[in-house]
Amino acid sequence: MDPEVIESITHQVHRRFPEFAGTKAKVRKQPLPKSGGRRLIGAQKQNYLLTFKKDVRGPGGLTITRWVRVVANPKGKIIKITTSK
């Protein structure tokens, strides 16, 4: 995945989840499910999983690890965003 695409996705995550400002993504390839029904060629038979991790203060001063997972295609279109609570 291009560094510019990763930077664009990171900017979108930081805008949506301000507590993750300053974090960098861990990027991994993620193959498309076989039941996806899409006919793609060559290197586009995969999506990318970007994970962001941040330790934040919870109620009572406890430290909680929060995660944001982003599934995006090779062109940088975000398909799905999930977060831990």
PDB file of N, CA and C in Angstrom:
ATOM      1  N   MET A   1       0.853  -1.176   0.000  1.00  0.00           N
ATOM      2  CA  MET A   1       0.000   0.000   0.000  1.00  0.00           C
ATOM      3  C   MET A   1       0.894   1.232   0.000  1.00  0.00           C
ATOM      4  N   ASP A   2       0.525   2.206  -0.792  1.00  0.00           N
ATOM      5  CA  ASP A   2       1.304   3.439  -0.901  1.00  0.00           C
ATOM      6  C   ASP A   2       1.307   4.216   0.413  1.00  0.00           C
ATOM      7  N   PRO A   3       2.431   4.843   0.738  1.00  0.00           N
ATOM      8  CA  PRO A   3       2.482   5.655   1.965  1.00  0.00           C
ATOM      9  C   PRO A   3       1.480   6.809   1.963  1.00  0.00           C
ATOM     10  N   GLU A   4       1.184   7.385   0.787  1.00  0.00           N
ATOM     11  CA  GLU A   4       0.211   8.472   0.712  1.00  0.00           C
ATOM     12  C   GLU A   4      -1.186   7.973   1.067  1.00  0.00           C
ATOM     13  N   VAL A   5      -1.510   6.755   0.649  1.00  0.00           N
ATOM     14  CA  VAL A   5      -2.816   6.178   0.948  1.00  0.00           C
ATOM     15  C   VAL A   5      -2.927   5.894   2.441  1.00  0.00           C
ATOM     16  N   ILE A   6      -1.861   5.362   3.021  1.00  0.00           N
ATOM     17  CA  ILE A   6      -1.847   5.098   4.463  1.00  0.00           C
ATOM     18  C   ILE A   6      -2.012   6.397   5.235  1.00  0.00           C
ATOM     19  N   GLU A   7      -1.335   7.438   4.794  1.00  0.00           N
ATOM     20  CA  GLU A   7      -1.437   8.750   5.451  1.00  0.00           C
ATOM     21  C   GLU A   7      -2.856   9.304   5.357  1.00  0.00           C
ATOM     22  N   SER A   8      -3.503   9.126   4.222  1.00  0.00           N
ATOM     23  CA  SER A   8      -4.873   9.602   4.048  1.00  0.00           C
ATOM     24  C   SER A   8      -5.827   8.870   4.993  1.00  0.00           C
ATOM     25  N   ILE A   9      -5.686   7.557   5.090  1.00  0.00           N
ATOM     26  CA  ILE A   9      -6.543   6.780   5.985  1.00  0.00           C
ATOM     27  C   ILE A   9      -6.264   7.165   7.434  1.00  0.00           C
ATOM     28  N   THR A  10      -4.989   7.340   7.781  1.00  0.00           N
ATOM     29  CA  THR A  10      -4.615   7.737   9.136  1.00  0.00           C
ATOM     30  C   THR A  10      -5.238   9.081   9.497  1.00  0.00           C
ATOM     31  N   HIS A  11      -5.222  10.018   8.556  1.00  0.00           N
ATOM     32  CA  HIS A  11      -5.824  11.336   8.796  1.00  0.00           C
ATOM     33  C   HIS A  11      -7.322  11.206   9.072  1.00  0.00           C
ATOM     34  N   GLN A  12      -8.005  10.336   8.320  1.00  0.00           N
ATOM     35  CA  GLN A  12      -9.435  10.134   8.525  1.00  0.00           C
ATOM     36  C   GLN A  12      -9.720   9.523   9.899  1.00  0.00           C
ATOM     37  N   VAL A  13      -8.870   8.580  10.325  1.00  0.00           N
ATOM     38  CA  VAL A  13      -9.035   7.961  11.642  1.00  0.00           C
ATOM     39  C   VAL A  13      -8.809   8.999  12.740  1.00  0.00           C
ATOM     40  N   HIS A  14      -7.777   9.821  12.604  1.00  0.00           N
ATOM     41  CA  HIS A  14      -7.485  10.845  13.606  1.00  0.00           C
ATOM     42  C   HIS A  14      -8.609  11.873  13.692  1.00  0.00           C
ATOM     43  N   ARG A  15      -9.247  12.161  12.583  1.00  0.00           N
ATOM     44  CA  ARG A  15     -10.348  13.113  12.583  1.00  0.00           C
ATOM     45  C   ARG A  15     -11.579  12.513  13.264  1.00  0.00           C
ATOM     46  N   ARG A  16     -11.834  11.232  13.024  1.00  0.00           N
ATOM     47  CA  ARG A  16     -13.010  10.581  13.610  1.00  0.00           C
ATOM     48  C   ARG A  16     -12.793  10.193  15.078  1.00  0.00           C
ATOM     49  N   PHE A  17     -11.559   9.826  15.418  1.00  0.00           N
ATOM     50  CA  PHE A  17     -11.208   9.430  16.778  1.00  0.00           C
ATOM     51  C   PHE A  17     -10.046  10.292  17.252  1.00  0.00           C
ATOM     52  N   PRO A  18     -10.315  11.491  17.769  1.00  0.00           N
ATOM     53  CA  PRO A  18      -9.242  12.431  18.132  1.00  0.00           C
ATOM     54  C   PRO A  18      -8.284  11.900  19.188  1.00  0.00           C
ATOM     55  N   GLU A  19      -8.731  10.976  20.027  1.00  0.00           N
ATOM     56  CA  GLU A  19      -7.828  10.433  21.050  1.00  0.00           C
ATOM     57  C   GLU A  19      -6.710   9.591  20.443  1.00  0.00           C
ATOM     58  N   PHE A  20      -6.813   9.235  19.170  1.00  0.00           N
ATOM     59  CA  PHE A  20      -5.776   8.461  18.481  1.00  0.00           C
ATOM     60  C   PHE A  20      -4.788   9.358  17.727  1.00  0.00           C
ATOM     61  N   ALA A  21      -4.877  10.657  17.918  1.00  0.00           N
ATOM     62  CA  ALA A  21      -3.953  11.578  17.253  1.00  0.00           C
ATOM     63  C   ALA A  21      -2.516  11.221  17.641  1.00  0.00           C
ATOM     64  N   GLY A  22      -1.666  11.175  16.648  1.00  0.00           N
ATOM     65  CA  GLY A  22      -0.259  10.864  16.880  1.00  0.00           C
ATOM     66  C   GLY A  22       0.073   9.387  16.794  1.00  0.00           C
ATOM     67  N   THR A  23      -0.930   8.528  16.609  1.00  0.00           N
ATOM     68  CA  THR A  23      -0.654   7.099  16.484  1.00  0.00           C
ATOM     69  C   THR A  23      -0.426   6.726  15.032  1.00  0.00           C
ATOM     70  N   LYS A  24       0.344   5.698  14.832  1.00  0.00           N
ATOM     71  CA  LYS A  24       0.609   5.195  13.486  1.00  0.00           C
ATOM     72  C   LYS A  24      -0.046   3.840  13.325  1.00  0.00           C
ATOM     73  N   ALA A  25      -0.374   3.494  12.093  1.00  0.00           N
ATOM     74  CA  ALA A  25      -1.072   2.244  11.809  1.00  0.00           C
ATOM     75  C   ALA A  25      -0.094   1.107  11.563  1.00  0.00           C
ATOM     76  N   LYS A  26      -0.502  -0.058  11.996  1.00  0.00           N
ATOM     77  CA  LYS A  26       0.187  -1.289  11.621  1.00  0.00           C
ATOM     78  C   LYS A  26      -0.609  -1.837  10.437  1.00  0.00           C
ATOM     79  N   VAL A  27       0.046  -2.043   9.297  1.00  0.00           N
ATOM     80  CA  VAL A  27      -0.641  -2.413   8.070  1.00  0.00           C
ATOM     81  C   VAL A  27      -0.346  -3.868   7.735  1.00  0.00           C
ATOM     82  N   ARG A  28      -1.424  -4.610   7.457  1.00  0.00           N
ATOM     83  CA  ARG A  28      -1.293  -6.001   7.042  1.00  0.00           C
ATOM     84  C   ARG A  28      -2.193  -6.256   5.847  1.00  0.00           C
ATOM     85  N   LYS A  29      -1.787  -7.184   4.992  1.00  0.00           N
ATOM     86  CA  LYS A  29      -2.626  -7.593   3.874  1.00  0.00           C
ATOM     87  C   LYS A  29      -3.709  -8.515   4.400  1.00  0.00           C
ATOM     88  N   GLN A  30      -4.886  -8.409   3.805  1.00  0.00           N
ATOM     89  CA  GLN A  30      -6.004  -9.241   4.200  1.00  0.00           C
ATOM     90  C   GLN A  30      -6.691  -9.757   2.936  1.00  0.00           C
ATOM     91  N   PRO A  31      -6.637 -11.072   2.694  1.00  0.00           N
ATOM     92  CA  PRO A  31      -7.273 -11.598   1.482  1.00  0.00           C
ATOM     93  C   PRO A  31      -8.786 -11.413   1.540  1.00  0.00           C
ATOM     94  N   LEU A  32      -9.388 -11.259   0.371  1.00  0.00           N
ATOM     95  CA  LEU A  32     -10.839 -11.130   0.304  1.00  0.00           C
ATOM     96  C   LEU A  32     -11.483 -12.469   0.622  1.00  0.00           C
ATOM     97  N   PRO A  33     -12.639 -12.462   1.249  1.00  0.00           N
ATOM     98  CA  PRO A  33     -13.321 -13.730   1.506  1.00  0.00           C
ATOM     99  C   PRO A  33     -13.740 -14.379   0.193  1.00  0.00           C
ATOM    100  N   LYS A  34     -13.752 -15.700   0.177  1.00  0.00           N
ATOM    101  CA  LYS A  34     -14.115 -16.417  -1.046  1.00  0.00           C
ATOM    102  C   LYS A  34     -15.559 -16.179  -1.437  1.00  0.00           C
ATOM    103  N   SER A  35     -16.390 -15.856  -0.480  1.00  0.00           N
ATOM    104  CA  SER A  35     -17.804 -15.630  -0.773  1.00  0.00           C
ATOM    105  C   SER A  35     -18.095 -14.190  -1.171  1.00  0.00           C
ATOM    106  N   GLY A  36     -17.039 -13.394  -1.392  1.00  0.00           N
ATOM    107  CA  GLY A  36     -17.215 -11.983  -1.714  1.00  0.00           C
ATOM    108  C   GLY A  36     -17.936 -11.730  -3.019  1.00  0.00           C
ATOM    109  N   GLY A  37     -17.883 -12.662  -3.953  1.00  0.00           N
ATOM    110  CA  GLY A  37     -18.583 -12.508  -5.207  1.00  0.00           C
ATOM    111  C   GLY A  37     -17.969 -11.493  -6.139  1.00  0.00           C
ATOM    112  N   ARG A  38     -16.768 -11.024  -5.847  1.00  0.00           N
ATOM    113  CA  ARG A  38     -16.117 -10.030  -6.706  1.00  0.00           C
ATOM    114  C   ARG A  38     -15.109 -10.720  -7.607  1.00  0.00           C
ATOM    115  N   ARG A  39     -14.985 -10.225  -8.783  1.00  0.00           N
ATOM    116  CA  ARG A  39     -13.985 -10.747  -9.710  1.00  0.00           C
ATOM    117  C   ARG A  39     -12.913  -9.678  -9.900  1.00  0.00           C
ATOM    118  N   LEU A  40     -11.815  -9.854  -9.182  1.00  0.00           N
ATOM    119  CA  LEU A  40     -10.719  -8.895  -9.243  1.00  0.00           C
ATOM    120  C   LEU A  40      -9.504  -9.567  -9.857  1.00  0.00           C
ATOM    121  N   ILE A  41      -8.592  -8.769 -10.355  1.00  0.00           N
ATOM    122  CA  ILE A  41      -7.434  -9.283 -11.063  1.00  0.00           C
ATOM    123  C   ILE A  41      -6.157  -9.017 -10.282  1.00  0.00           C
ATOM    124  N   GLY A  42      -5.281 -10.017 -10.222  1.00  0.00           N
ATOM    125  CA  GLY A  42      -3.931  -9.859  -9.699  1.00  0.00           C
ATOM    126  C   GLY A  42      -3.868  -9.359  -8.278  1.00  0.00           C
ATOM    127  N   ALA A  43      -3.111  -8.278  -8.058  1.00  0.00           N
ATOM    128  CA  ALA A  43      -2.820  -7.775  -6.722  1.00  0.00           C
ATOM    129  C   ALA A  43      -4.045  -7.195  -6.029  1.00  0.00           C
ATOM    130  N   GLN A  44      -5.131  -6.968  -6.761  1.00  0.00           N
ATOM    131  CA  GLN A  44      -6.308  -6.393  -6.134  1.00  0.00           C
ATOM    132  C   GLN A  44      -7.197  -7.446  -5.485  1.00  0.00           C
ATOM    133  N   LYS A  45      -6.708  -8.664  -5.342  1.00  0.00           N
ATOM    134  CA  LYS A  45      -7.478  -9.709  -4.680  1.00  0.00           C
ATOM    135  C   LYS A  45      -7.271  -9.661  -3.173  1.00  0.00           C
ATOM    136  N   GLN A  46      -6.961  -8.503  -2.666  1.00  0.00           N
ATOM    137  CA  GLN A  46      -6.744  -8.368  -1.237  1.00  0.00           C
ATOM    138  C   GLN A  46      -7.127  -6.976  -0.778  1.00  0.00           C
ATOM    139  N   ASN A  47      -7.483  -6.904   0.480  1.00  0.00           N
ATOM    140  CA  ASN A  47      -7.696  -5.632   1.153  1.00  0.00           C
ATOM    141  C   ASN A  47      -6.562  -5.459   2.146  1.00  0.00           C
ATOM    142  N   TYR A  48      -6.557  -4.335   2.818  1.00  0.00           N
ATOM    143  CA  TYR A  48      -5.543  -4.074   3.835  1.00  0.00           C
ATOM    144  C   TYR A  48      -6.230  -3.810   5.161  1.00  0.00           C
ATOM    145  N   LEU A  49      -5.627  -4.320   6.216  1.00  0.00           N
ATOM    146  CA  LEU A  49      -6.120  -4.106   7.568  1.00  0.00           C
ATOM    147  C   LEU A  49      -5.134  -3.182   8.270  1.00  0.00           C
ATOM    148  N   LEU A  50      -5.610  -2.031   8.703  1.00  0.00           N
ATOM    149  CA  LEU A  50      -4.796  -1.075   9.447  1.00  0.00           C
ATOM    150  C   LEU A  50      -5.294  -1.074  10.880  1.00  0.00           C
ATOM    151  N   THR A  51      -4.390  -1.283  11.822  1.00  0.00           N
ATOM    152  CA  THR A  51      -4.777  -1.284  13.227  1.00  0.00           C
ATOM    153  C   THR A  51      -4.052  -0.163  13.955  1.00  0.00           C
ATOM    154  N   PHE A  52      -4.815   0.550  14.782  1.00  0.00           N
ATOM    155  CA  PHE A  52      -4.296   1.637  15.597  1.00  0.00           C
ATOM    156  C   PHE A  52      -4.505   1.241  17.052  1.00  0.00           C
ATOM    157  N   LYS A  53      -3.494   1.455  17.895  1.00  0.00           N
ATOM    158  CA  LYS A  53      -3.565   1.090  19.309  1.00  0.00           C
ATOM    159  C   LYS A  53      -3.221   2.309  20.154  1.00  0.00           C
ATOM    160  N   LYS A  54      -3.982   2.495  21.234  1.00  0.00           N
ATOM    161  CA  LYS A  54      -3.739   3.635  22.118  1.00  0.00           C
ATOM    162  C   LYS A  54      -4.173   3.265  23.528  1.00  0.00           C
ATOM    163  N   ASP A  55      -3.344   3.581  24.505  1.00  0.00           N
ATOM    164  CA  ASP A  55      -3.708   3.420  25.905  1.00  0.00           C
ATOM    165  C   ASP A  55      -4.312   4.731  26.387  1.00  0.00           C
ATOM    166  N   VAL A  56      -5.553   4.667  26.891  1.00  0.00           N
ATOM    167  CA  VAL A  56      -6.248   5.866  27.367  1.00  0.00           C
ATOM    168  C   VAL A  56      -6.669   5.661  28.815  1.00  0.00           C
ATOM    169  N   ARG A  57      -6.900   6.762  29.496  1.00  0.00           N
ATOM    170  CA  ARG A  57      -7.356   6.721  30.888  1.00  0.00           C
ATOM    171  C   ARG A  57      -8.861   6.493  30.906  1.00  0.00           C
ATOM    172  N   GLY A  58      -9.274   5.516  31.672  1.00  0.00           N
ATOM    173  CA  GLY A  58     -10.686   5.225  31.830  1.00  0.00           C
ATOM    174  C   GLY A  58     -11.202   5.763  33.144  1.00  0.00           C
ATOM    175  N   PRO A  59     -12.411   5.368  33.510  1.00  0.00           N
ATOM    176  CA  PRO A  59     -12.972   5.820  34.783  1.00  0.00           C
ATOM    177  C   PRO A  59     -12.143   5.324  35.962  1.00  0.00           C
ATOM    178  N   GLY A  60     -11.969   6.144  36.953  1.00  0.00           N
ATOM    179  CA  GLY A  60     -11.200   5.764  38.131  1.00  0.00           C
ATOM    180  C   GLY A  60      -9.701   5.766  37.902  1.00  0.00           C
ATOM    181  N   GLY A  61      -9.246   6.327  36.772  1.00  0.00           N
ATOM    182  CA  GLY A  61      -7.817   6.411  36.506  1.00  0.00           C
ATOM    183  C   GLY A  61      -7.208   5.147  35.935  1.00  0.00           C
ATOM    184  N   LEU A  62      -8.042   4.151  35.613  1.00  0.00           N
ATOM    185  CA  LEU A  62      -7.522   2.916  35.032  1.00  0.00           C
ATOM    186  C   LEU A  62      -7.094   3.142  33.590  1.00  0.00           C
ATOM    187  N   THR A  63      -6.061   2.443  33.173  1.00  0.00           N
ATOM    188  CA  THR A  63      -5.595   2.520  31.789  1.00  0.00           C
ATOM    189  C   THR A  63      -6.291   1.448  30.967  1.00  0.00           C
ATOM    190  N   ILE A  64      -6.873   1.862  29.860  1.00  0.00           N
ATOM    191  CA  ILE A  64      -7.599   0.957  28.971  1.00  0.00           C
ATOM    192  C   ILE A  64      -6.929   1.006  27.602  1.00  0.00           C
ATOM    193  N   THR A  65      -6.687  -0.153  27.009  1.00  0.00           N
ATOM    194  CA  THR A  65      -6.135  -0.204  25.658  1.00  0.00           C
ATOM    195  C   THR A  65      -7.295  -0.164  24.669  1.00  0.00           C
ATOM    196  N   ARG A  66      -7.273   0.819  23.779  1.00  0.00           N
ATOM    197  CA  ARG A  66      -8.298   0.946  22.737  1.00  0.00           C
ATOM    198  C   ARG A  66      -7.683   0.619  21.400  1.00  0.00           C
ATOM    199  N   TRP A  67      -8.476   0.007  20.542  1.00  0.00           N
ATOM    200  CA  TRP A  67      -8.061  -0.369  19.201  1.00  0.00           C
ATOM    201  C   TRP A  67      -9.040   0.195  18.181  1.00  0.00           C
ATOM    202  N   VAL A  68      -8.518   0.609  17.045  1.00  0.00           N
ATOM    203  CA  VAL A  68      -9.338   0.938  15.879  1.00  0.00           C
ATOM    204  C   VAL A  68      -8.815   0.084  14.738  1.00  0.00           C
ATOM    205  N   ARG A  69      -9.720  -0.665  14.105  1.00  0.00           N
ATOM    206  CA  ARG A  69      -9.369  -1.514  12.976  1.00  0.00           C
ATOM    207  C   ARG A  69     -10.036  -0.948  11.733  1.00  0.00           C
ATOM    208  N   VAL A  70      -9.263  -0.767  10.673  1.00  0.00           N
ATOM    209  CA  VAL A  70      -9.775  -0.217   9.424  1.00  0.00           C
ATOM    210  C   VAL A  70      -9.475  -1.202   8.310  1.00  0.00           C
ATOM    211  N   VAL A  71     -10.511  -1.586   7.572  1.00  0.00           N
ATOM    212  CA  VAL A  71     -10.336  -2.412   6.384  1.00  0.00           C
ATOM    213  C   VAL A  71     -10.487  -1.481   5.188  1.00  0.00           C
ATOM    214  N   ALA A  72      -9.473  -1.470   4.327  1.00  0.00           N
ATOM    215  CA  ALA A  72      -9.482  -0.576   3.172  1.00  0.00           C
ATOM    216  C   ALA A  72      -9.004  -1.330   1.936  1.00  0.00           C
ATOM    217  N   ASN A  73      -9.431  -0.864   0.767  1.00  0.00           N
ATOM    218  CA  ASN A  73      -8.958  -1.480  -0.470  1.00  0.00           C
ATOM    219  C   ASN A  73      -7.617  -0.868  -0.860  1.00  0.00           C
ATOM    220  N   PRO A  74      -6.931  -1.415  -1.874  1.00  0.00           N
ATOM    221  CA  PRO A  74      -5.605  -0.895  -2.242  1.00  0.00           C
ATOM    222  C   PRO A  74      -5.593   0.577  -2.663  1.00  0.00           C
ATOM    223  N   LYS A  75      -6.735   1.099  -3.098  1.00  0.00           N
ATOM    224  CA  LYS A  75      -6.801   2.502  -3.514  1.00  0.00           C
ATOM    225  C   LYS A  75      -7.073   3.447  -2.344  1.00  0.00           C
ATOM    226  N   GLY A  76      -7.322   2.886  -1.136  1.00  0.00           N
ATOM    227  CA  GLY A  76      -7.516   3.710   0.042  1.00  0.00           C
ATOM    228  C   GLY A  76      -8.952   3.940   0.441  1.00  0.00           C
ATOM    229  N   LYS A  77      -9.901   3.314  -0.250  1.00  0.00           N
ATOM    230  CA  LYS A  77     -11.297   3.462   0.128  1.00  0.00           C
ATOM    231  C   LYS A  77     -11.552   2.636   1.382  1.00  0.00           C
ATOM    232  N   ILE A  78     -12.087   3.293   2.413  1.00  0.00           N
ATOM    233  CA  ILE A  78     -12.367   2.601   3.664  1.00  0.00           C
ATOM    234  C   ILE A  78     -13.648   1.783   3.484  1.00  0.00           C
ATOM    235  N   ILE A  79     -13.516   0.495   3.780  1.00  0.00           N
ATOM    236  CA  ILE A  79     -14.650  -0.420   3.660  1.00  0.00           C
ATOM    237  C   ILE A  79     -15.363  -0.554   4.996  1.00  0.00           C
ATOM    238  N   LYS A  80     -14.574  -0.653   6.082  1.00  0.00           N
ATOM    239  CA  LYS A  80     -15.159  -0.868   7.395  1.00  0.00           C
ATOM    240  C   LYS A  80     -14.230  -0.321   8.465  1.00  0.00           C
ATOM    241  N   ILE A  81     -14.813   0.278   9.508  1.00  0.00           N
ATOM    242  CA  ILE A  81     -14.064   0.730  10.673  1.00  0.00           C
ATOM    243  C   ILE A  81     -14.736   0.138  11.916  1.00  0.00           C
ATOM    244  N   THR A  82     -13.937  -0.475  12.767  1.00  0.00           N
ATOM    245  CA  THR A  82     -14.453  -0.962  14.041  1.00  0.00           C
ATOM    246  C   THR A  82     -13.530  -0.479  15.153  1.00  0.00           C
ATOM    247  N   THR A  83     -14.081  -0.380  16.358  1.00  0.00           N
ATOM    248  CA  THR A  83     -13.304   0.080  17.486  1.00  0.00           C
ATOM    249  C   THR A  83     -13.675  -0.697  18.735  1.00  0.00           C
ATOM    250  N   SER A  84     -12.731  -0.812  19.639  1.00  0.00           N
ATOM    251  CA  SER A  84     -13.017  -1.413  20.934  1.00  0.00           C
ATOM    252  C   SER A  84     -13.536  -0.318  21.865  1.00  0.00           C
ATOM    253  N   LYS A  85     -14.172  -0.717  22.931  1.00  0.00           N
ATOM    254  CA  LYS A  85     -14.700   0.271  23.878  1.00  0.00           C
ATOM    255  C   LYS A  85     -14.084   0.097  25.214  1.00  0.00           C
TER     256      LYS A  85
END
